[in-house]
């Protein structure tokens, strides 16, 4: 009987310790993208990528990488997202390349949220095709 009780106690202790370590990283994302947009006042020669970040916990930092026609093109970084709620985060795209397709430039963004050393989320936002006849 002593041996069974000792084994049961050790198993419960091991299970409790394992559960505590597993709670350091949640099973779900702490931030995600609720909306995304492209805006330009220059006929798509330059513009701004805006992402509506929705967070269920504080994020320590964020980064947006913008890809145009499959190539990395621009990025923006920022600090803390203060907690639960939504916040617009943006990056300026100072110039656009000459389109390699008759539809224009295809733009997408990768957004990375970080909190501490263990939490990291990445999302890809498709922004679509943007015509630009005077891009360089």
N, C-alpha and C. Protein backbone atom coordinates (compact mmCIF):
# COMPACT_ATOMS: atom_id res chain seq x y z
N UNK A 1 0.82 -1.19 0.00
CA UNK A 1 0.00 0.00 0.00
C UNK A 1 0.87 1.26 0.00
N UNK A 2 1.99 1.26 0.78
CA UNK A 2 2.88 2.42 0.81
C UNK A 2 3.46 2.70 -0.57
N UNK A 3 3.85 1.65 -1.28
CA UNK A 3 4.46 1.81 -2.59
C UNK A 3 3.46 2.43 -3.57
N UNK A 4 2.22 2.02 -3.57
CA UNK A 4 1.19 2.57 -4.46
C UNK A 4 0.96 4.04 -4.13
N UNK A 5 0.86 4.39 -2.87
CA UNK A 5 0.65 5.77 -2.45
C UNK A 5 1.83 6.65 -2.85
N UNK A 6 3.04 6.15 -2.68
CA UNK A 6 4.25 6.90 -3.05
C UNK A 6 4.29 7.11 -4.56
N UNK A 7 3.98 6.11 -5.34
CA UNK A 7 3.96 6.21 -6.80
C UNK A 7 2.88 7.18 -7.24
N UNK A 8 1.71 7.10 -6.63
CA UNK A 8 0.61 8.00 -6.96
C UNK A 8 0.99 9.45 -6.65
N UNK A 9 1.62 9.70 -5.52
CA UNK A 9 2.05 11.05 -5.14
C UNK A 9 3.09 11.58 -6.13
N UNK A 10 4.05 10.76 -6.50
CA UNK A 10 5.08 11.18 -7.45
C UNK A 10 4.47 11.47 -8.82
N UNK A 11 3.51 10.67 -9.24
CA UNK A 11 2.84 10.89 -10.53
C UNK A 11 2.06 12.19 -10.53
N UNK A 12 1.36 12.48 -9.45
CA UNK A 12 0.60 13.72 -9.35
C UNK A 12 1.56 14.91 -9.36
N UNK A 13 2.67 14.82 -8.64
CA UNK A 13 3.67 15.88 -8.62
C UNK A 13 4.25 16.11 -10.01
N UNK A 14 4.58 15.04 -10.71
CA UNK A 14 5.12 15.14 -12.06
C UNK A 14 4.09 15.75 -13.00
N UNK A 15 2.85 15.34 -12.90
CA UNK A 15 1.77 15.86 -13.74
C UNK A 15 1.56 17.35 -13.45
N UNK A 16 1.57 17.74 -12.20
CA UNK A 16 1.40 19.15 -11.83
C UNK A 16 2.54 19.99 -12.37
N UNK A 17 3.77 19.52 -12.24
CA UNK A 17 4.93 20.25 -12.74
C UNK A 17 4.85 20.39 -14.26
N UNK A 18 4.49 19.34 -14.96
CA UNK A 18 4.35 19.39 -16.41
C UNK A 18 3.27 20.35 -16.86
N UNK A 19 2.17 20.41 -16.13
CA UNK A 19 1.09 21.32 -16.47
C UNK A 19 1.52 22.77 -16.30
N UNK A 20 2.27 23.07 -15.27
CA UNK A 20 2.75 24.43 -15.04
C UNK A 20 3.66 24.87 -16.18
N UNK A 21 4.57 24.02 -16.62
CA UNK A 21 5.48 24.37 -17.71
C UNK A 21 4.72 24.54 -19.02
N UNK A 22 3.72 23.74 -19.25
CA UNK A 22 2.95 23.82 -20.49
C UNK A 22 2.12 25.10 -20.55
N UNK A 23 1.78 25.68 -19.42
CA UNK A 23 0.97 26.89 -19.41
C UNK A 23 1.76 28.12 -19.82
N UNK A 24 3.08 28.02 -19.96
CA UNK A 24 3.89 29.17 -20.37
C UNK A 24 3.54 29.60 -21.79
N UNK A 25 3.09 28.70 -22.64
CA UNK A 25 2.70 29.03 -24.01
C UNK A 25 1.26 28.56 -24.22
N UNK A 26 0.35 29.49 -24.50
CA UNK A 26 -1.05 29.10 -24.64
C UNK A 26 -1.29 28.28 -25.90
N UNK A 27 -2.38 27.54 -25.90
CA UNK A 27 -2.73 26.72 -27.05
C UNK A 27 -3.29 27.57 -28.19
N UNK A 28 -3.73 28.77 -27.91
CA UNK A 28 -4.30 29.62 -28.96
C UNK A 28 -3.45 30.87 -29.15
N UNK A 29 -3.68 31.57 -30.24
CA UNK A 29 -2.93 32.78 -30.53
C UNK A 29 -3.35 33.90 -29.58
N UNK A 30 -2.41 34.74 -29.19
CA UNK A 30 -2.74 35.85 -28.31
C UNK A 30 -3.07 37.10 -29.11
N UNK A 31 -2.60 37.19 -30.36
CA UNK A 31 -2.96 38.30 -31.26
C UNK A 31 -3.23 37.73 -32.65
N UNK A 32 -4.08 38.38 -33.38
CA UNK A 32 -4.34 38.01 -34.77
C UNK A 32 -4.80 39.25 -35.52
N UNK A 33 -4.93 39.11 -36.83
CA UNK A 33 -5.33 40.24 -37.67
C UNK A 33 -6.82 40.21 -37.89
N UNK A 34 -7.47 41.33 -37.65
CA UNK A 34 -8.92 41.43 -37.84
C UNK A 34 -9.26 42.05 -39.19
N UNK A 35 -8.34 42.84 -39.77
CA UNK A 35 -8.60 43.50 -41.04
C UNK A 35 -7.26 43.98 -41.60
N UNK A 36 -7.22 44.22 -42.91
CA UNK A 36 -6.01 44.74 -43.54
C UNK A 36 -6.41 45.62 -44.72
N UNK A 37 -5.59 46.64 -45.00
CA UNK A 37 -5.90 47.52 -46.13
C UNK A 37 -4.64 48.14 -46.71
N UNK A 38 -4.76 48.60 -47.94
CA UNK A 38 -3.71 49.33 -48.66
C UNK A 38 -4.31 50.69 -48.99
N UNK A 39 -3.56 51.75 -48.74
CA UNK A 39 -4.03 53.08 -49.12
C UNK A 39 -2.91 53.81 -49.84
N UNK A 40 -3.29 54.61 -50.85
CA UNK A 40 -2.30 55.33 -51.63
C UNK A 40 -2.93 56.61 -52.16
N UNK A 41 -2.16 57.68 -52.12
CA UNK A 41 -2.60 58.93 -52.72
C UNK A 41 -1.73 59.28 -53.93
N UNK A 42 -0.91 58.31 -54.37
CA UNK A 42 0.04 58.56 -55.46
C UNK A 42 -0.17 57.63 -56.65
N UNK A 43 -1.38 57.16 -56.85
CA UNK A 43 -1.63 56.22 -57.95
C UNK A 43 -0.91 54.90 -57.77
N UNK A 44 -0.75 54.46 -56.53
CA UNK A 44 -0.10 53.21 -56.15
C UNK A 44 1.41 53.20 -56.38
N UNK A 45 2.03 54.38 -56.58
CA UNK A 45 3.49 54.46 -56.66
C UNK A 45 4.11 54.29 -55.27
N UNK A 46 3.37 54.61 -54.24
CA UNK A 46 3.76 54.42 -52.84
C UNK A 46 2.46 54.27 -52.06
N UNK A 47 2.58 53.93 -50.79
CA UNK A 47 1.35 53.79 -50.01
C UNK A 47 1.60 53.35 -48.59
N UNK A 48 0.55 52.85 -47.99
CA UNK A 48 0.60 52.44 -46.60
C UNK A 48 -0.19 51.15 -46.44
N UNK A 49 0.41 50.18 -45.75
CA UNK A 49 -0.26 48.95 -45.37
C UNK A 49 -0.71 49.12 -43.93
N UNK A 50 -1.99 48.89 -43.68
CA UNK A 50 -2.55 48.99 -42.33
C UNK A 50 -3.17 47.66 -41.94
N UNK A 51 -2.87 47.21 -40.75
CA UNK A 51 -3.39 45.96 -40.21
C UNK A 51 -4.11 46.28 -38.91
N UNK A 52 -5.33 45.77 -38.78
CA UNK A 52 -6.05 45.91 -37.52
C UNK A 52 -5.71 44.70 -36.65
N UNK A 53 -4.89 44.94 -35.63
CA UNK A 53 -4.46 43.88 -34.72
C UNK A 53 -5.50 43.71 -33.62
N UNK A 54 -5.91 42.48 -33.40
CA UNK A 54 -6.81 42.17 -32.30
C UNK A 54 -6.02 41.30 -31.32
N UNK A 55 -5.89 41.77 -30.09
CA UNK A 55 -5.10 41.03 -29.10
C UNK A 55 -5.95 40.64 -27.90
N UNK A 56 -5.69 39.46 -27.42
CA UNK A 56 -6.33 38.95 -26.20
C UNK A 56 -5.37 39.02 -25.02
N UNK A 57 -4.15 39.48 -25.27
CA UNK A 57 -3.14 39.65 -24.23
C UNK A 57 -2.19 40.73 -24.71
N UNK A 58 -1.36 41.21 -23.84
CA UNK A 58 -0.39 42.24 -24.21
C UNK A 58 0.65 41.66 -25.16
N UNK A 59 0.98 42.38 -26.22
CA UNK A 59 2.08 42.01 -27.10
C UNK A 59 3.22 42.98 -26.84
N UNK A 60 4.43 42.46 -26.77
CA UNK A 60 5.59 43.31 -26.52
C UNK A 60 6.05 44.05 -27.77
N UNK A 61 5.86 43.42 -28.93
CA UNK A 61 6.27 44.06 -30.17
C UNK A 61 5.54 43.45 -31.35
N UNK A 62 5.59 44.16 -32.47
CA UNK A 62 5.01 43.67 -33.72
C UNK A 62 5.94 44.06 -34.86
N UNK A 63 5.81 43.34 -35.98
CA UNK A 63 6.58 43.62 -37.18
C UNK A 63 5.72 43.28 -38.38
N UNK A 64 5.71 44.16 -39.37
CA UNK A 64 5.02 43.91 -40.63
C UNK A 64 6.08 43.86 -41.73
N UNK A 65 6.14 42.75 -42.45
CA UNK A 65 6.99 42.62 -43.64
C UNK A 65 6.07 42.65 -44.86
N UNK A 66 6.35 43.56 -45.79
CA UNK A 66 5.52 43.71 -46.99
C UNK A 66 6.25 43.06 -48.16
N UNK A 67 5.53 42.25 -48.90
CA UNK A 67 6.06 41.58 -50.08
C UNK A 67 5.30 42.08 -51.31
N UNK A 68 6.07 42.41 -52.36
CA UNK A 68 5.48 42.88 -53.61
C UNK A 68 5.96 41.95 -54.71
N UNK A 69 5.03 41.37 -55.44
CA UNK A 69 5.34 40.42 -56.52
C UNK A 69 6.25 39.29 -56.02
N UNK A 70 6.02 38.85 -54.80
CA UNK A 70 6.76 37.73 -54.24
C UNK A 70 8.09 38.08 -53.61
N UNK A 71 8.52 39.34 -53.67
CA UNK A 71 9.80 39.75 -53.10
C UNK A 71 9.58 40.62 -51.87
N UNK A 72 10.45 40.43 -50.86
CA UNK A 72 10.38 41.28 -49.68
C UNK A 72 10.64 42.70 -50.12
N UNK A 73 9.83 43.65 -49.66
CA UNK A 73 9.93 45.01 -50.17
C UNK A 73 10.09 46.08 -49.08
N UNK A 74 9.38 45.97 -47.99
CA UNK A 74 9.44 47.00 -46.93
C UNK A 74 9.04 46.35 -45.60
N UNK A 75 9.36 47.03 -44.52
CA UNK A 75 8.95 46.53 -43.21
C UNK A 75 8.72 47.69 -42.25
N UNK A 76 8.00 47.40 -41.21
CA UNK A 76 7.77 48.35 -40.13
C UNK A 76 7.72 47.59 -38.83
N UNK A 77 8.16 48.24 -37.75
CA UNK A 77 8.14 47.60 -36.44
C UNK A 77 7.51 48.55 -35.43
N UNK A 78 7.08 47.98 -34.36
CA UNK A 78 6.49 48.80 -33.31
C UNK A 78 6.58 48.11 -31.98
N UNK A 79 6.26 48.85 -30.97
CA UNK A 79 6.36 48.36 -29.61
C UNK A 79 5.08 47.74 -29.10
N UNK A 80 4.88 47.94 -27.87
CA UNK A 80 3.83 47.29 -27.09
C UNK A 80 2.42 47.55 -27.62
N UNK A 81 1.64 46.49 -27.67
CA UNK A 81 0.19 46.58 -27.82
C UNK A 81 -0.33 46.33 -26.42
N UNK A 82 -0.98 47.33 -25.82
CA UNK A 82 -1.18 47.33 -24.37
C UNK A 82 -2.13 46.30 -23.78
N UNK A 83 -2.75 45.46 -24.54
CA UNK A 83 -3.60 44.44 -23.93
C UNK A 83 -4.79 44.11 -24.79
N UNK A 84 -5.84 43.67 -24.17
CA UNK A 84 -7.03 43.21 -24.87
C UNK A 84 -7.65 44.35 -25.68
N UNK A 85 -7.94 44.07 -26.94
CA UNK A 85 -8.59 45.06 -27.79
C UNK A 85 -7.99 45.11 -29.18
N UNK A 86 -8.39 46.13 -29.94
CA UNK A 86 -7.94 46.28 -31.31
C UNK A 86 -7.15 47.57 -31.48
N UNK A 87 -6.16 47.52 -32.36
CA UNK A 87 -5.31 48.67 -32.63
C UNK A 87 -4.79 48.58 -34.05
N UNK A 88 -4.82 49.70 -34.79
CA UNK A 88 -4.26 49.73 -36.14
C UNK A 88 -2.74 49.86 -36.05
N UNK A 89 -2.04 49.03 -36.79
CA UNK A 89 -0.60 49.13 -36.93
C UNK A 89 -0.30 49.30 -38.42
N UNK A 90 0.68 50.12 -38.75
CA UNK A 90 0.91 50.46 -40.16
C UNK A 90 2.38 50.45 -40.52
N UNK A 91 2.62 50.37 -41.82
CA UNK A 91 3.97 50.51 -42.38
C UNK A 91 3.85 51.28 -43.69
N UNK A 92 4.75 52.23 -43.88
CA UNK A 92 4.79 52.99 -45.13
C UNK A 92 5.60 52.21 -46.16
N UNK A 93 5.12 52.21 -47.39
CA UNK A 93 5.83 51.62 -48.51
C UNK A 93 6.23 52.80 -49.39
N UNK A 94 7.50 53.24 -49.32
CA UNK A 94 7.91 54.50 -49.95
C UNK A 94 7.84 54.50 -51.48
N UNK A 95 8.02 53.35 -52.11
CA UNK A 95 7.90 53.27 -53.56
C UNK A 95 7.55 51.85 -53.95
N UNK A 96 6.93 51.72 -55.10
CA UNK A 96 6.55 50.40 -55.60
C UNK A 96 7.36 50.09 -56.85
N UNK A 97 7.65 48.81 -57.09
CA UNK A 97 8.40 48.45 -58.28
C UNK A 97 7.52 48.50 -59.53
N UNK A 98 8.16 48.42 -60.67
CA UNK A 98 7.42 48.32 -61.93
C UNK A 98 6.70 46.97 -61.91
N UNK A 99 5.41 46.97 -62.22
CA UNK A 99 4.66 45.70 -62.18
C UNK A 99 5.23 44.68 -63.17
N UNK A 100 5.21 43.41 -62.78
CA UNK A 100 5.64 42.35 -63.67
C UNK A 100 4.45 41.55 -64.20
N UNK A 101 3.27 42.13 -64.05
CA UNK A 101 2.03 41.48 -64.47
C UNK A 101 1.09 42.58 -64.96
N UNK A 102 0.28 42.28 -65.95
CA UNK A 102 -0.64 43.30 -66.49
C UNK A 102 -1.66 43.77 -65.46
N UNK A 103 -1.88 42.98 -64.41
CA UNK A 103 -2.83 43.37 -63.35
C UNK A 103 -2.23 44.37 -62.37
N UNK A 104 -0.92 44.53 -62.37
CA UNK A 104 -0.26 45.45 -61.45
C UNK A 104 0.66 44.74 -60.50
N UNK A 105 0.86 45.32 -59.35
CA UNK A 105 1.71 44.74 -58.30
C UNK A 105 0.83 43.96 -57.33
N UNK A 106 1.27 42.74 -57.01
CA UNK A 106 0.56 41.93 -56.03
C UNK A 106 1.22 42.14 -54.67
N UNK A 107 0.44 42.53 -53.68
CA UNK A 107 0.97 42.88 -52.36
C UNK A 107 0.38 41.95 -51.30
N UNK A 108 1.25 41.47 -50.43
CA UNK A 108 0.82 40.76 -49.23
C UNK A 108 1.75 41.12 -48.09
N UNK A 109 1.31 40.90 -46.88
CA UNK A 109 2.10 41.26 -45.70
C UNK A 109 2.13 40.09 -44.72
N UNK A 110 3.26 39.96 -44.05
CA UNK A 110 3.39 38.99 -42.96
C UNK A 110 3.50 39.81 -41.68
N UNK A 111 2.62 39.52 -40.74
CA UNK A 111 2.62 40.24 -39.47
C UNK A 111 3.07 39.27 -38.38
N UNK A 112 4.02 39.71 -37.57
CA UNK A 112 4.54 38.90 -36.47
C UNK A 112 4.31 39.65 -35.16
N UNK A 113 3.66 38.99 -34.21
CA UNK A 113 3.46 39.54 -32.87
C UNK A 113 4.32 38.74 -31.91
N UNK A 114 4.95 39.41 -30.95
CA UNK A 114 5.76 38.72 -29.95
C UNK A 114 5.39 39.20 -28.56
N UNK A 115 5.46 38.27 -27.60
CA UNK A 115 5.27 38.59 -26.18
C UNK A 115 6.23 37.71 -25.40
N UNK A 116 7.21 38.33 -24.78
CA UNK A 116 8.20 37.57 -24.03
C UNK A 116 9.04 36.72 -24.96
N UNK A 117 9.67 35.71 -24.40
CA UNK A 117 10.52 34.82 -25.18
C UNK A 117 9.77 33.65 -25.78
N UNK A 118 8.59 33.36 -25.27
CA UNK A 118 7.90 32.14 -25.68
C UNK A 118 6.75 32.34 -26.66
N UNK A 119 6.10 33.47 -26.62
CA UNK A 119 4.93 33.67 -27.48
C UNK A 119 5.34 34.34 -28.78
N UNK A 120 4.89 33.79 -29.89
CA UNK A 120 5.07 34.42 -31.19
C UNK A 120 3.95 33.95 -32.11
N UNK A 121 3.31 34.90 -32.78
CA UNK A 121 2.27 34.60 -33.75
C UNK A 121 2.66 35.23 -35.08
N UNK A 122 2.38 34.54 -36.17
CA UNK A 122 2.56 35.10 -37.51
C UNK A 122 1.28 34.93 -38.31
N UNK A 123 0.95 35.98 -39.06
CA UNK A 123 -0.22 35.94 -39.94
C UNK A 123 0.15 36.51 -41.29
N UNK A 124 -0.44 35.96 -42.33
CA UNK A 124 -0.23 36.46 -43.69
C UNK A 124 -1.51 37.13 -44.14
N UNK A 125 -1.38 38.34 -44.62
CA UNK A 125 -2.53 39.11 -45.11
C UNK A 125 -2.38 39.37 -46.60
N UNK A 126 -3.30 38.86 -47.39
CA UNK A 126 -3.32 39.10 -48.83
C UNK A 126 -4.00 40.44 -49.07
N UNK A 127 -3.29 41.39 -49.66
CA UNK A 127 -3.87 42.70 -49.93
C UNK A 127 -4.35 42.81 -51.38
N UNK A 128 -3.79 42.02 -52.27
CA UNK A 128 -4.28 41.95 -53.64
C UNK A 128 -3.44 42.67 -54.68
N UNK A 129 -4.07 42.86 -55.85
CA UNK A 129 -3.42 43.48 -57.01
C UNK A 129 -3.69 44.97 -57.02
N UNK A 130 -2.63 45.75 -57.29
CA UNK A 130 -2.77 47.20 -57.37
C UNK A 130 -2.10 47.71 -58.64
N UNK A 131 -2.88 48.24 -59.58
CA UNK A 131 -2.30 48.73 -60.83
C UNK A 131 -1.41 49.95 -60.59
N UNK A 132 -0.35 50.04 -61.39
CA UNK A 132 0.53 51.19 -61.29
C UNK A 132 1.28 51.34 -62.61
N UNK A 133 0.86 52.28 -63.43
CA UNK A 133 1.48 52.48 -64.75
C UNK A 133 2.74 53.33 -64.67
N UNK A 134 2.91 54.09 -63.59
CA UNK A 134 4.08 54.98 -63.50
C UNK A 134 5.07 54.54 -62.42
N UNK A 135 4.98 53.32 -61.96
CA UNK A 135 5.94 52.82 -60.97
C UNK A 135 7.29 52.60 -61.65
N UNK A 136 8.37 52.73 -60.87
CA UNK A 136 9.72 52.57 -61.45
C UNK A 136 10.22 51.16 -61.37
